[in-house]
Each structure stands twice: as structure tokens, then as C-alpha cells.
Amino acid sequence: MYLRTMRGRFVFPLVLMLLSQVLAAQLPMPELSAGTLIRIDSFASSYVDARPVDIWLPPGYETTQQYPVLYMQDGQMLFDARTTWNKQEWGMDEVIPALIDSGQIQAFILVAVWNNAPVRYLEYTSMKPFVYFSDSDMAILRDEPATGRLFTGDNLKGDLYLRFLVSELKPYIDSHYPTLSGREDTFIMGSSFGGLISMFAICEYPEVFGGAACLSTHWTGLYRQENNPFPFAMLAYFKDHLPDPSTHKLYFDHGTTTLDSLYAPYQQSADQIMREGGYTAANSLSLVFEGAPHTEEAWHDRVHIP
């Protein structure tokens, strides 16, 4: 893998949280091709709603050996299509062992953090780039029928979600499993809005994450290119918070069909920001997959690269 080359206001949310916990408890455990899965049904947090977290341990896992760690968004989509909402999966339990067996990577622990479906977009978007929006920009965002609810006041939860990952989940993982806990062995990955929050993670916490893989990064926020200020604020933030290329690695990609057809001009701008910021082929990679759609099956086909 590419990254391994370098070390009612109150009642309704409560109902949603309890419902998600009940559904998690009712869902069968994924059937794995390889490795071992340990599930925490409801990982409590002071920052975001409790959620399931799956910890995948590689084949041959030994408590006497220390392992790098990869944190992935949308954790319920990673292992078994029979347990996902759209009957698609990343197939991480197949991809990772194949890479280990071929000697391309060393064994690592995968922490699959479930999304909180009712507020997924809120948890995967940071408030930090909003300082780049003008009042007229904000008006455009709030008036968007499909996603305007995201941009009302301070309801975005991405910064709280990252605090959950860094100050609650990571310490738990490091204290319960034999991890290599330093930046050079800690990575983060996601797709779509999950790719966006993974970008935010390495920019906000460069001392924690040494690499980020952002597949089909949803730069647009909205579902259109026209009259859309969202990507320009995201890119301005990325430029101002680009992590040090001497200690970090970045991977981006996108397809060319369905939702991925929106991303090319913004990813090209992100690529230029990386080049101007000192990133080279040694520590960054940005790929385009012609004909690839915005789906888990498409991400499965290329997740072996980062």
C-alpha cells in the first residue's frame, strides 16, 4: 500500500442514537475472508453520539508484536456486502491480507469507525473552512434544497468528530492493542465525505496522522459545480493547512462517472496546492480512474493502491 512506504430538539437525537445502537446489536457480524473482527457495539464519546467500532486484526495477529493502525470512515461498509445497506463492500478483509502475503505491506490493525447515518454529512464536514465564505456564499449554501440543512449556524460536527477520533478512540486503541502509536504509523482513510474528513484530520492533527488516503473526495459539498462556493473554501483551507511534506503522505483519487464526474477541476487544484507546498511523487499521489463511479465496489477495486 502506498501510505506504508513511509512511517424534538433533545428527544429526536436521543431516539436516533438509541435506534442506531439497537440496529447495530441486531446486525450480524460480517463474515470475514481473513483476520479477526472485534466489535464495540456502542463506543461512548463526550463529543459525538455513541456508535459501533469494529477492530480488524490481521491474520497471524500476536499480542507480542506491535502494529501500525489505519482508521477508516464508514466502518459498516468495509467487510461484508450482506450486512451493508446497498449490498456493496470495500472488501478490506480480502485486500489487506493479499497485500501482506505478497510482501507489499506489513500487517496492521484496521479500526473501522461506523458512520452515524442521520448526521453523516454533519460529522464529516469541519467548520474551519467556513471562515473563507462570504455572506453571499453562505446564502447560496443555506438555500440549497438538498443540503442547506448542513449550513445553518454551527451545526457541523466534523471538528467534534475529529476530537473523538484523536482524544478518545485512538487512546483506547493504543491502550488495548499492541500498536505503533506514533504519527509515522498512524493513518486515516475515507471516501466521498469520508475522504473530506480524512483530509481535515491530517490537516488539523498533523502530529497524530502521518498519512491520509482520500478516495473520491467530495470537494463540492453540494451536488453540482455551478454557483457553488463550497469547493473553493475547502481548497483555501487545504492550502493554508497543508501538512509538512517531509513528514506526511497524501493520496487522492476520483472516478469520472456519477458523482465522481464533479470532482476533476477541484482535485486538479488540490494537486497544484500539493506541488506548490513541496509534495512530490515520493510523498503524494493523485489518480483518475476513467469510467469509475462513486461506489464501494469502485473503491474496492483501487483501495490496494494507497
C-alpha atoms as a PDB file:
ATOM      1  CA  MET A   1       0.000   0.000   0.000  1.00  0.00           C
ATOM      2  CA  TYR A   2       1.239   3.464  -0.923  1.00  0.00           C
ATOM      3  CA  LEU A   3       0.961   5.006   2.548  1.00  0.00           C
ATOM      4  CA  ARG A   4       3.001   2.229   4.109  1.00  0.00           C
ATOM      5  CA  THR A   5       6.064   3.338   2.207  1.00  0.00           C
ATOM      6  CA  MET A   6       6.556   5.948   4.952  1.00  0.00           C
ATOM      7  CA  ARG A   7       6.092   5.614   8.775  1.00  0.00           C
ATOM      8  CA  GLY A   8     -37.919  17.386  19.115  1.00  0.00           C
ATOM      9  CA  ARG A   9     -34.612  19.089  19.732  1.00  0.00           C
ATOM     10  CA  PHE A  10     -33.493  16.754  22.502  1.00  0.00           C
ATOM     11  CA  VAL A  11     -35.710  13.696  22.184  1.00  0.00           C
ATOM     12  CA  PHE A  12     -35.247  13.096  18.452  1.00  0.00           C
ATOM     13  CA  PRO A  13     -31.421  12.872  18.575  1.00  0.00           C
ATOM     14  CA  LEU A  14     -31.718  10.530  21.554  1.00  0.00           C
ATOM     15  CA  VAL A  15     -34.144   8.313  19.658  1.00  0.00           C
ATOM     16  CA  LEU A  16     -31.792   8.216  16.669  1.00  0.00           C
ATOM     17  CA  MET A  17     -28.858   7.305  18.897  1.00  0.00           C
ATOM     18  CA  LEU A  18     -30.775   4.513  20.629  1.00  0.00           C
ATOM     19  CA  LEU A  19     -32.113   3.249  17.317  1.00  0.00           C
ATOM     20  CA  SER A  20     -28.622   3.093  15.828  1.00  0.00           C
ATOM     21  CA  GLN A  21     -27.411   1.127  18.840  1.00  0.00           C
ATOM     22  CA  VAL A  22     -30.313  -1.320  18.594  1.00  0.00           C
ATOM     23  CA  LEU A  23     -29.726  -1.800  14.877  1.00  0.00           C
ATOM     24  CA  ALA A  24     -26.021  -2.381  15.472  1.00  0.00           C
ATOM     25  CA  ALA A  25     -26.784  -5.012  18.090  1.00  0.00           C
ATOM     26  CA  GLN A  26     -29.226  -6.737  15.726  1.00  0.00           C
ATOM     27  CA  LEU A  27     -26.911  -6.783  12.727  1.00  0.00           C
ATOM     28  CA  PRO A  28     -24.949  -9.979  12.286  1.00  0.00           C
ATOM     29  CA  MET A  29     -21.207  -9.772  12.427  1.00  0.00           C
ATOM     30  CA  PRO A  30     -19.623  -9.655   8.976  1.00  0.00           C
ATOM     31  CA  GLU A  31     -18.307 -12.934   7.653  1.00  0.00           C
ATOM     32  CA  LEU A  32     -14.611 -12.414   7.013  1.00  0.00           C
ATOM     33  CA  SER A  33     -12.354 -13.918   4.400  1.00  0.00           C
ATOM     34  CA  ALA A  34      -9.390 -13.485   6.744  1.00  0.00           C
ATOM     35  CA  GLY A  35      -8.488 -11.874  10.035  1.00  0.00           C
ATOM     36  CA  THR A  36     -10.466 -11.386  13.235  1.00  0.00           C
ATOM     37  CA  LEU A  37     -13.117  -8.753  13.941  1.00  0.00           C
ATOM     38  CA  ILE A  38     -13.805  -7.378  17.405  1.00  0.00           C
ATOM     39  CA  ARG A  39     -16.876  -5.170  17.742  1.00  0.00           C
ATOM     40  CA  ILE A  40     -17.530  -2.499  20.313  1.00  0.00           C
ATOM     41  CA  ASP A  41     -21.309  -2.150  19.980  1.00  0.00           C
ATOM     42  CA  SER A  42     -21.524   1.348  21.403  1.00  0.00           C
ATOM     43  CA  PHE A  43     -18.334   3.345  21.854  1.00  0.00           C
ATOM     44  CA  ALA A  44     -19.278   6.265  24.108  1.00  0.00           C
ATOM     45  CA  SER A  45     -17.979   9.760  23.443  1.00  0.00           C
ATOM     46  CA  SER A  46     -18.151  13.183  25.060  1.00  0.00           C
ATOM     47  CA  TYR A  47     -18.136  14.806  21.613  1.00  0.00           C
ATOM     48  CA  VAL A  48     -20.394  12.793  19.295  1.00  0.00           C
ATOM     49  CA  ASP A  49     -23.095  10.153  19.555  1.00  0.00           C
ATOM     50  CA  ALA A  50     -22.038   6.668  20.591  1.00  0.00           C
ATOM     51  CA  ARG A  51     -21.540   4.267  17.701  1.00  0.00           C
ATOM     52  CA  PRO A  52     -20.209   0.825  16.844  1.00  0.00           C
ATOM     53  CA  VAL A  53     -16.498   0.477  16.179  1.00  0.00           C
ATOM     54  CA  ASP A  54     -15.040  -2.633  14.551  1.00  0.00           C
ATOM     55  CA  ILE A  55     -11.384  -3.528  15.134  1.00  0.00           C
ATOM     56  CA  TRP A  56      -9.956  -5.828  12.463  1.00  0.00           C
ATOM     57  CA  LEU A  57      -6.885  -7.810  13.470  1.00  0.00           C
ATOM     58  CA  PRO A  58      -4.715  -9.261  10.699  1.00  0.00           C
ATOM     59  CA  PRO A  59      -4.098 -12.991  10.193  1.00  0.00           C
ATOM     60  CA  GLY A  60      -1.339 -14.176  12.500  1.00  0.00           C
ATOM     61  CA  TYR A  61      -2.004 -11.356  14.963  1.00  0.00           C
ATOM     62  CA  GLU A  62       0.187 -11.632  18.059  1.00  0.00           C
ATOM     63  CA  THR A  63      -0.059  -9.541  21.209  1.00  0.00           C
ATOM     64  CA  THR A  64       3.735  -9.570  21.415  1.00  0.00           C
ATOM     65  CA  GLN A  65       4.050  -7.752  18.084  1.00  0.00           C
ATOM     66  CA  GLN A  66       3.333  -4.045  17.536  1.00  0.00           C
ATOM     67  CA  TYR A  67       1.236  -2.898  14.586  1.00  0.00           C
ATOM     68  CA  PRO A  68       0.589   0.292  12.624  1.00  0.00           C
ATOM     69  CA  VAL A  69      -3.037   1.436  12.652  1.00  0.00           C
ATOM     70  CA  LEU A  70      -5.369   2.616   9.893  1.00  0.00           C
ATOM     71  CA  TYR A  71      -8.560   4.456  10.878  1.00  0.00           C
ATOM     72  CA  MET A  72     -11.328   4.261   8.269  1.00  0.00           C
ATOM     73  CA  GLN A  73     -14.627   6.107   7.958  1.00  0.00           C
ATOM     74  CA  ASP A  74     -17.969   4.432   7.126  1.00  0.00           C
ATOM     75  CA  GLY A  75     -16.833   1.362   9.030  1.00  0.00           C
ATOM     76  CA  GLN A  76     -20.019  -0.628   8.447  1.00  0.00           C
ATOM     77  CA  MET A  77     -19.282  -0.704   4.699  1.00  0.00           C
ATOM     78  CA  LEU A  78     -15.862  -2.328   4.791  1.00  0.00           C
ATOM     79  CA  PHE A  79     -16.197  -6.094   5.162  1.00  0.00           C
ATOM     80  CA  ASP A  80     -19.366  -7.891   4.090  1.00  0.00           C
ATOM     81  CA  ALA A  81     -21.885  -6.814   1.434  1.00  0.00           C
ATOM     82  CA  ARG A  82     -24.563  -8.939   3.104  1.00  0.00           C
ATOM     83  CA  THR A  83     -24.601  -6.555   6.077  1.00  0.00           C
ATOM     84  CA  THR A  84     -24.453  -3.197   4.245  1.00  0.00           C
ATOM     85  CA  TRP A  85     -27.378  -1.009   3.203  1.00  0.00           C
ATOM     86  CA  ASN A  86     -26.569  -1.135  -0.525  1.00  0.00           C
ATOM     87  CA  LYS A  87     -25.134  -4.670  -0.662  1.00  0.00           C
ATOM     88  CA  GLN A  88     -21.678  -3.381  -1.589  1.00  0.00           C
ATOM     89  CA  GLU A  89     -18.420  -3.519   0.366  1.00  0.00           C
ATOM     90  CA  TRP A  90     -14.784  -2.433   0.278  1.00  0.00           C
ATOM     91  CA  GLY A  91     -13.580  -5.991   0.939  1.00  0.00           C
ATOM     92  CA  MET A  92     -10.831  -4.871   3.294  1.00  0.00           C
ATOM     93  CA  ASP A  93     -10.599  -8.370   4.798  1.00  0.00           C
ATOM     94  CA  GLU A  94      -9.613  -9.607   1.338  1.00  0.00           C
ATOM     95  CA  VAL A  95      -7.447  -6.734   0.106  1.00  0.00           C
ATOM     96  CA  ILE A  96      -5.226  -6.314   3.169  1.00  0.00           C
ATOM     97  CA  PRO A  97      -4.234  -9.995   3.623  1.00  0.00           C
ATOM     98  CA  ALA A  98      -3.390 -10.232  -0.090  1.00  0.00           C
ATOM     99  CA  LEU A  99      -1.067  -7.237   0.234  1.00  0.00           C
ATOM    100  CA  ILE A 100       0.509  -8.693   3.376  1.00  0.00           C
ATOM    101  CA  ASP A 101       1.007 -12.106   1.767  1.00  0.00           C
ATOM    102  CA  SER A 102       2.655 -10.544  -1.285  1.00  0.00           C
ATOM    103  CA  GLY A 103       5.084  -8.636   0.921  1.00  0.00           C
ATOM    104  CA  GLN A 104       3.864  -5.212  -0.229  1.00  0.00           C
ATOM    105  CA  ILE A 105       2.937  -4.077   3.274  1.00  0.00           C
ATOM    106  CA  GLN A 106       3.444  -5.099   6.863  1.00  0.00           C
ATOM    107  CA  ALA A 107       0.495  -6.312   8.888  1.00  0.00           C
ATOM    108  CA  PHE A 108      -1.574  -3.586  10.540  1.00  0.00           C
ATOM    109  CA  ILE A 109      -4.697  -3.091  12.625  1.00  0.00           C
ATOM    110  CA  LEU A 110      -7.742  -1.561  10.931  1.00  0.00           C
ATOM    111  CA  VAL A 111     -10.157   0.480  13.042  1.00  0.00           C
ATOM    112  CA  ALA A 112     -13.491   0.704  11.220  1.00  0.00           C
ATOM    113  CA  VAL A 113     -15.449   3.629  12.658  1.00  0.00           C
ATOM    114  CA  TRP A 114     -19.135   3.401  11.811  1.00  0.00           C
ATOM    115  CA  ASN A 115     -20.818   6.487  10.481  1.00  0.00           C
ATOM    116  CA  ASN A 116     -23.844   7.919  12.253  1.00  0.00           C
ATOM    117  CA  ALA A 117     -26.153   7.827   9.246  1.00  0.00           C
ATOM    118  CA  PRO A 118     -28.654  10.574  10.204  1.00  0.00           C
ATOM    119  CA  VAL A 119     -25.837  13.108  10.664  1.00  0.00           C
ATOM    120  CA  ARG A 120     -23.103  11.616   8.485  1.00  0.00           C
ATOM    121  CA  TYR A 121     -22.591  14.759   6.410  1.00  0.00           C
ATOM    122  CA  LEU A 122     -22.516  16.892   9.551  1.00  0.00           C
ATOM    123  CA  GLU A 123     -19.863  14.721  11.202  1.00  0.00           C
ATOM    124  CA  TYR A 124     -17.725  14.583   8.081  1.00  0.00           C
ATOM    125  CA  THR A 125     -17.587  18.369   7.485  1.00  0.00           C
ATOM    126  CA  SER A 126     -15.474  20.768   9.540  1.00  0.00           C
ATOM    127  CA  MET A 127     -16.474  24.311  10.437  1.00  0.00           C
ATOM    128  CA  LYS A 128     -12.895  25.506   9.909  1.00  0.00           C
ATOM    129  CA  PRO A 129     -13.188  26.339   6.160  1.00  0.00           C
ATOM    130  CA  PHE A 130     -16.288  28.442   6.761  1.00  0.00           C
ATOM    131  CA  VAL A 131     -14.144  31.467   7.578  1.00  0.00           C
ATOM    132  CA  TYR A 132     -13.453  31.616   3.831  1.00  0.00           C
ATOM    133  CA  PHE A 133     -17.135  32.075   2.944  1.00  0.00           C
ATOM    134  CA  SER A 134     -18.641  35.494   2.318  1.00  0.00           C
ATOM    135  CA  ASP A 135     -22.192  36.297   3.423  1.00  0.00           C
ATOM    136  CA  SER A 136     -23.389  35.753  -0.139  1.00  0.00           C
ATOM    137  CA  ASP A 137     -21.616  32.384  -0.223  1.00  0.00           C
ATOM    138  CA  MET A 138     -23.395  31.331   2.944  1.00  0.00           C
ATOM    139  CA  ALA A 139     -26.726  32.386   1.484  1.00  0.00           C
ATOM    140  CA  ILE A 140     -26.128  30.129  -1.523  1.00  0.00           C
ATOM    141  CA  LEU A 141     -25.281  27.203   0.719  1.00  0.00           C
ATOM    142  CA  ARG A 142     -28.254  27.671   3.032  1.00  0.00           C
ATOM    143  CA  ASP A 143     -30.687  27.960   0.119  1.00  0.00           C
ATOM    144  CA  GLU A 144     -29.587  24.665  -1.425  1.00  0.00           C
ATOM    145  CA  PRO A 145     -32.652  22.357  -1.211  1.00  0.00           C
ATOM    146  CA  ALA A 146     -30.742  19.085  -0.852  1.00  0.00           C
ATOM    147  CA  THR A 147     -28.056  20.106   1.650  1.00  0.00           C
ATOM    148  CA  GLY A 148     -28.992  23.518   3.016  1.00  0.00           C
ATOM    149  CA  ARG A 149     -29.617  21.974   6.417  1.00  0.00           C
ATOM    150  CA  LEU A 150     -25.870  21.390   6.682  1.00  0.00           C
ATOM    151  CA  PHE A 151     -25.071  25.052   6.642  1.00  0.00           C
ATOM    152  CA  THR A 152     -27.363  26.535   9.263  1.00  0.00           C
ATOM    153  CA  GLY A 153     -25.497  28.029  12.181  1.00  0.00           C
ATOM    154  CA  ASP A 154     -22.849  25.942  13.895  1.00  0.00           C
ATOM    155  CA  ASN A 155     -24.451  22.525  13.469  1.00  0.00           C
ATOM    156  CA  LEU A 156     -21.498  20.960  11.645  1.00  0.00           C
ATOM    157  CA  LYS A 157     -19.887  18.292  13.813  1.00  0.00           C
ATOM    158  CA  GLY A 158     -16.683  17.467  11.946  1.00  0.00           C
ATOM    159  CA  ASP A 159     -14.401  19.135  14.464  1.00  0.00           C
ATOM    160  CA  LEU A 160     -16.077  17.271  17.320  1.00  0.00           C
ATOM    161  CA  TYR A 161     -15.830  14.026  15.368  1.00  0.00           C
ATOM    162  CA  LEU A 162     -12.088  14.510  14.919  1.00  0.00           C
ATOM    163  CA  ARG A 163     -11.695  15.212  18.638  1.00  0.00           C
ATOM    164  CA  PHE A 164     -13.495  11.928  19.268  1.00  0.00           C
ATOM    165  CA  LEU A 165     -11.070  10.089  16.983  1.00  0.00           C
ATOM    166  CA  VAL A 166      -7.935  11.700  18.380  1.00  0.00           C
ATOM    167  CA  SER A 167      -8.657  12.134  22.078  1.00  0.00           C
ATOM    168  CA  GLU A 168     -10.986   9.205  22.804  1.00  0.00           C
ATOM    169  CA  LEU A 169     -10.848   6.432  20.215  1.00  0.00           C
ATOM    170  CA  LYS A 170      -7.127   6.460  19.448  1.00  0.00           C
ATOM    171  CA  PRO A 171      -6.086   6.395  23.136  1.00  0.00           C
ATOM    172  CA  TYR A 172      -8.443   3.459  23.653  1.00  0.00           C
ATOM    173  CA  ILE A 173      -6.992   1.544  20.710  1.00  0.00           C
ATOM    174  CA  ASP A 174      -3.423   2.286  21.776  1.00  0.00           C
ATOM    175  CA  SER A 175      -4.103   1.136  25.342  1.00  0.00           C
ATOM    176  CA  HIS A 176      -5.956  -2.075  24.424  1.00  0.00           C
ATOM    177  CA  TYR A 177      -3.937  -3.280  21.435  1.00  0.00           C
ATOM    178  CA  PRO A 178      -0.200  -3.519  20.708  1.00  0.00           C
ATOM    179  CA  THR A 179       0.024  -0.548  18.373  1.00  0.00           C
ATOM    180  CA  LEU A 180       2.823   1.541  16.987  1.00  0.00           C
ATOM    181  CA  SER A 181       1.188   4.738  18.166  1.00  0.00           C
ATOM    182  CA  GLY A 182       3.388   7.414  16.605  1.00  0.00           C
ATOM    183  CA  ARG A 183       2.489   9.626  13.684  1.00  0.00           C
ATOM    184  CA  GLU A 184       4.622   7.643  11.259  1.00  0.00           C
ATOM    185  CA  ASP A 185       2.477   4.550  11.914  1.00  0.00           C
ATOM    186  CA  THR A 186      -0.986   6.139  12.169  1.00  0.00           C
ATOM    187  CA  PHE A 187      -3.088   6.645   9.038  1.00  0.00           C
ATOM    188  CA  ILE A 188      -6.610   7.679   8.101  1.00  0.00           C
ATOM    189  CA  MET A 189      -8.773   6.871   5.076  1.00  0.00           C
ATOM    190  CA  GLY A 190     -12.230   7.537   3.712  1.00  0.00           C
ATOM    191  CA  SER A 191     -14.295   8.132   0.608  1.00  0.00           C
ATOM    192  CA  SER A 192     -16.646  10.899  -0.508  1.00  0.00           C
ATOM    193  CA  PHE A 193     -17.432  12.990   2.594  1.00  0.00           C
ATOM    194  CA  GLY A 194     -15.295  10.416   4.412  1.00  0.00           C
ATOM    195  CA  GLY A 195     -12.420  11.462   2.180  1.00  0.00           C
ATOM    196  CA  LEU A 196     -13.095  15.082   3.043  1.00  0.00           C
ATOM    197  CA  ILE A 197     -12.972  14.461   6.808  1.00  0.00           C
ATOM    198  CA  SER A 198      -9.795  12.399   6.341  1.00  0.00           C
ATOM    199  CA  MET A 199      -8.232  15.439   4.664  1.00  0.00           C
ATOM    200  CA  PHE A 200      -9.373  17.592   7.580  1.00  0.00           C
ATOM    201  CA  ALA A 201      -7.926  15.049  10.026  1.00  0.00           C
ATOM    202  CA  ILE A 202      -4.367  15.190   8.719  1.00  0.00           C
ATOM    203  CA  CYS A 203      -4.535  18.981   8.362  1.00  0.00           C
ATOM    204  CA  GLU A 204      -5.922  19.563  11.856  1.00  0.00           C
ATOM    205  CA  TYR A 205      -3.866  16.865  13.586  1.00  0.00           C
ATOM    206  CA  PRO A 206      -0.591  16.550  11.660  1.00  0.00           C
ATOM    207  CA  GLU A 207       1.107  15.426  14.867  1.00  0.00           C
ATOM    208  CA  VAL A 208      -1.233  12.396  15.028  1.00  0.00           C
ATOM    209  CA  PHE A 209      -1.646  11.212  11.431  1.00  0.00           C
ATOM    210  CA  GLY A 210       1.286  10.554   9.119  1.00  0.00           C
ATOM    211  CA  GLY A 211      -0.778   9.811   6.037  1.00  0.00           C
ATOM    212  CA  ALA A 212      -4.267  10.238   4.630  1.00  0.00           C
ATOM    213  CA  ALA A 213      -5.976   8.456   1.745  1.00  0.00           C
ATOM    214  CA  CYS A 214      -8.939  10.379   0.351  1.00  0.00           C
ATOM    215  CA  LEU A 215     -10.878   8.467  -2.306  1.00  0.00           C
ATOM    216  CA  SER A 216     -13.495  10.315  -4.373  1.00  0.00           C
ATOM    217  CA  THR A 217     -13.121  13.313  -2.084  1.00  0.00           C
ATOM    218  CA  HIS A 218     -16.400  15.230  -2.049  1.00  0.00           C
ATOM    219  CA  TRP A 219     -14.872  18.646  -2.667  1.00  0.00           C
ATOM    220  CA  THR A 220     -18.163  20.010  -3.960  1.00  0.00           C
ATOM    221  CA  GLY A 221     -20.191  19.609  -0.772  1.00  0.00           C
ATOM    222  CA  LEU A 222     -23.266  20.281  -2.871  1.00  0.00           C
ATOM    223  CA  TYR A 223     -24.217  18.050  -5.769  1.00  0.00           C
ATOM    224  CA  ARG A 224     -23.334  20.475  -8.536  1.00  0.00           C
ATOM    225  CA  GLN A 225     -20.464  22.592  -9.842  1.00  0.00           C
ATOM    226  CA  GLU A 226     -22.405  25.683 -10.921  1.00  0.00           C
ATOM    227  CA  ASN A 227     -22.775  28.578  -8.477  1.00  0.00           C
ATOM    228  CA  ASN A 228     -21.121  26.543  -5.750  1.00  0.00           C
ATOM    229  CA  PRO A 229     -18.681  28.280  -3.369  1.00  0.00           C
ATOM    230  CA  PHE A 230     -18.089  25.173  -1.243  1.00  0.00           C
ATOM    231  CA  PRO A 231     -15.065  23.672  -3.050  1.00  0.00           C
ATOM    232  CA  PHE A 232     -13.177  26.953  -3.146  1.00  0.00           C
ATOM    233  CA  ALA A 233     -13.379  27.306   0.633  1.00  0.00           C
ATOM    234  CA  MET A 234     -12.278  23.683   1.077  1.00  0.00           C
ATOM    235  CA  LEU A 235      -9.289  24.260  -1.189  1.00  0.00           C
ATOM    236  CA  ALA A 236      -8.356  27.534   0.514  1.00  0.00           C
ATOM    237  CA  TYR A 237      -8.380  25.700   3.835  1.00  0.00           C
ATOM    238  CA  PHE A 238      -6.293  22.868   2.371  1.00  0.00           C
ATOM    239  CA  LYS A 239      -3.701  25.335   1.100  1.00  0.00           C
ATOM    240  CA  ASP A 240      -3.436  27.143   4.432  1.00  0.00           C
ATOM    241  CA  HIS A 241      -3.254  23.927   6.497  1.00  0.00           C
ATOM    242  CA  LEU A 242      -1.242  21.632   4.247  1.00  0.00           C
ATOM    243  CA  PRO A 243       0.805  19.288   6.461  1.00  0.00           C
ATOM    244  CA  ASP A 244       4.594  19.210   6.234  1.00  0.00           C
ATOM    245  CA  PRO A 245       5.628  17.138   3.195  1.00  0.00           C
ATOM    246  CA  SER A 246       8.773  15.981   4.975  1.00  0.00           C
ATOM    247  CA  THR A 247       6.711  14.026   7.497  1.00  0.00           C
ATOM    248  CA  HIS A 248       3.424  13.235   5.741  1.00  0.00           C
ATOM    249  CA  LYS A 249       1.977  11.407   2.747  1.00  0.00           C
ATOM    250  CA  LEU A 250      -1.219  12.209   0.847  1.00  0.00           C
ATOM    251  CA  TYR A 251      -3.285  10.151  -1.581  1.00  0.00           C
ATOM    252  CA  PHE A 252      -6.268  11.380  -3.600  1.00  0.00           C
ATOM    253  CA  ASP A 253      -8.268   9.862  -6.425  1.00  0.00           C
ATOM    254  CA  HIS A 254     -11.585  10.020  -8.230  1.00  0.00           C
ATOM    255  CA  GLY A 255     -13.543   8.331 -10.982  1.00  0.00           C
ATOM    256  CA  THR A 256     -15.271  10.023 -13.897  1.00  0.00           C
ATOM    257  CA  THR A 257     -18.917   8.921 -13.720  1.00  0.00           C
ATOM    258  CA  THR A 258     -21.880   9.508 -11.392  1.00  0.00           C
ATOM    259  CA  LEU A 259     -20.960  11.836  -8.522  1.00  0.00           C
ATOM    260  CA  ASP A 260     -17.250  11.484  -9.255  1.00  0.00           C
ATOM    261  CA  SER A 261     -17.781  13.344 -12.529  1.00  0.00           C
ATOM    262  CA  LEU A 262     -17.927  16.583 -10.488  1.00  0.00           C
ATOM    263  CA  TYR A 263     -14.507  16.333  -8.886  1.00  0.00           C
ATOM    264  CA  ALA A 264     -11.846  16.739 -11.591  1.00  0.00           C
ATOM    265  CA  PRO A 265     -11.319  20.541 -11.571  1.00  0.00           C
ATOM    266  CA  TYR A 266     -11.157  20.707  -7.786  1.00  0.00           C
ATOM    267  CA  GLN A 267      -8.837  17.742  -7.443  1.00  0.00           C
ATOM    268  CA  GLN A 268      -6.572  19.331 -10.032  1.00  0.00           C
ATOM    269  CA  SER A 269      -6.466  22.445  -7.850  1.00  0.00           C
ATOM    270  CA  ALA A 270      -5.664  20.307  -4.811  1.00  0.00           C
ATOM    271  CA  ASP A 271      -2.859  18.639  -6.767  1.00  0.00           C
ATOM    272  CA  GLN A 272      -1.403  22.045  -7.609  1.00  0.00           C
ATOM    273  CA  ILE A 273      -1.606  23.077  -3.953  1.00  0.00           C
ATOM    274  CA  MET A 274       0.363  19.972  -3.010  1.00  0.00           C
ATOM    275  CA  ARG A 275       3.029  20.605  -5.645  1.00  0.00           C
ATOM    276  CA  GLU A 276       3.407  24.241  -4.598  1.00  0.00           C
ATOM    277  CA  GLY A 277       3.562  23.096  -0.977  1.00  0.00           C
ATOM    278  CA  GLY A 278       6.544  20.835  -1.579  1.00  0.00           C
ATOM    279  CA  TYR A 279       4.858  17.493  -2.234  1.00  0.00           C
ATOM    280  CA  THR A 280       6.399  15.267  -4.890  1.00  0.00           C
ATOM    281  CA  ALA A 281       5.832  11.801  -6.301  1.00  0.00           C
ATOM    282  CA  ALA A 282       7.711  10.480  -3.274  1.00  0.00           C
ATOM    283  CA  ASN A 283       5.061  11.598  -0.801  1.00  0.00           C
ATOM    284  CA  SER A 284       1.857  12.217  -2.763  1.00  0.00           C
ATOM    285  CA  LEU A 285      -0.244  10.506  -5.376  1.00  0.00           C
ATOM    286  CA  SER A 286      -3.374  11.641  -7.227  1.00  0.00           C
ATOM    287  CA  LEU A 287      -5.074   9.302  -9.684  1.00  0.00           C
ATOM    288  CA  VAL A 288      -8.035   9.381 -12.056  1.00  0.00           C
ATOM    289  CA  PHE A 289      -9.954   6.195 -12.857  1.00  0.00           C
ATOM    290  CA  GLU A 290     -11.790   6.548 -16.149  1.00  0.00           C
ATOM    291  CA  GLY A 291     -15.310   5.192 -16.031  1.00  0.00           C
ATOM    292  CA  ALA A 292     -15.253   4.530 -12.285  1.00  0.00           C
ATOM    293  CA  PRO A 293     -18.425   5.501 -10.387  1.00  0.00           C
ATOM    294  CA  HIS A 294     -18.989   6.701  -6.835  1.00  0.00           C
ATOM    295  CA  THR A 295     -19.481   3.289  -5.202  1.00  0.00           C
ATOM    296  CA  GLU A 296     -17.951   0.920  -2.700  1.00  0.00           C
ATOM    297  CA  GLU A 297     -17.279  -1.555  -5.492  1.00  0.00           C
ATOM    298  CA  ALA A 298     -15.202   1.068  -7.299  1.00  0.00           C
ATOM    299  CA  TRP A 299     -13.265   1.893  -4.130  1.00  0.00           C
ATOM    300  CA  HIS A 300     -12.685  -1.818  -3.535  1.00  0.00           C
ATOM    301  CA  ASP A 301     -11.073  -2.057  -6.961  1.00  0.00           C
ATOM    302  CA  ARG A 302      -8.406   0.537  -6.089  1.00  0.00           C
ATOM    303  CA  VAL A 303      -8.051   0.559  -2.307  1.00  0.00           C
ATOM    304  CA  HIS A 304      -4.910  -1.561  -2.638  1.00  0.00           C
ATOM    305  CA  ILE A 305      -3.081   1.462  -4.085  1.00  0.00           C
ATOM    306  CA  PRO A 306      -2.948   3.809  -1.083  1.00  0.00           C
END
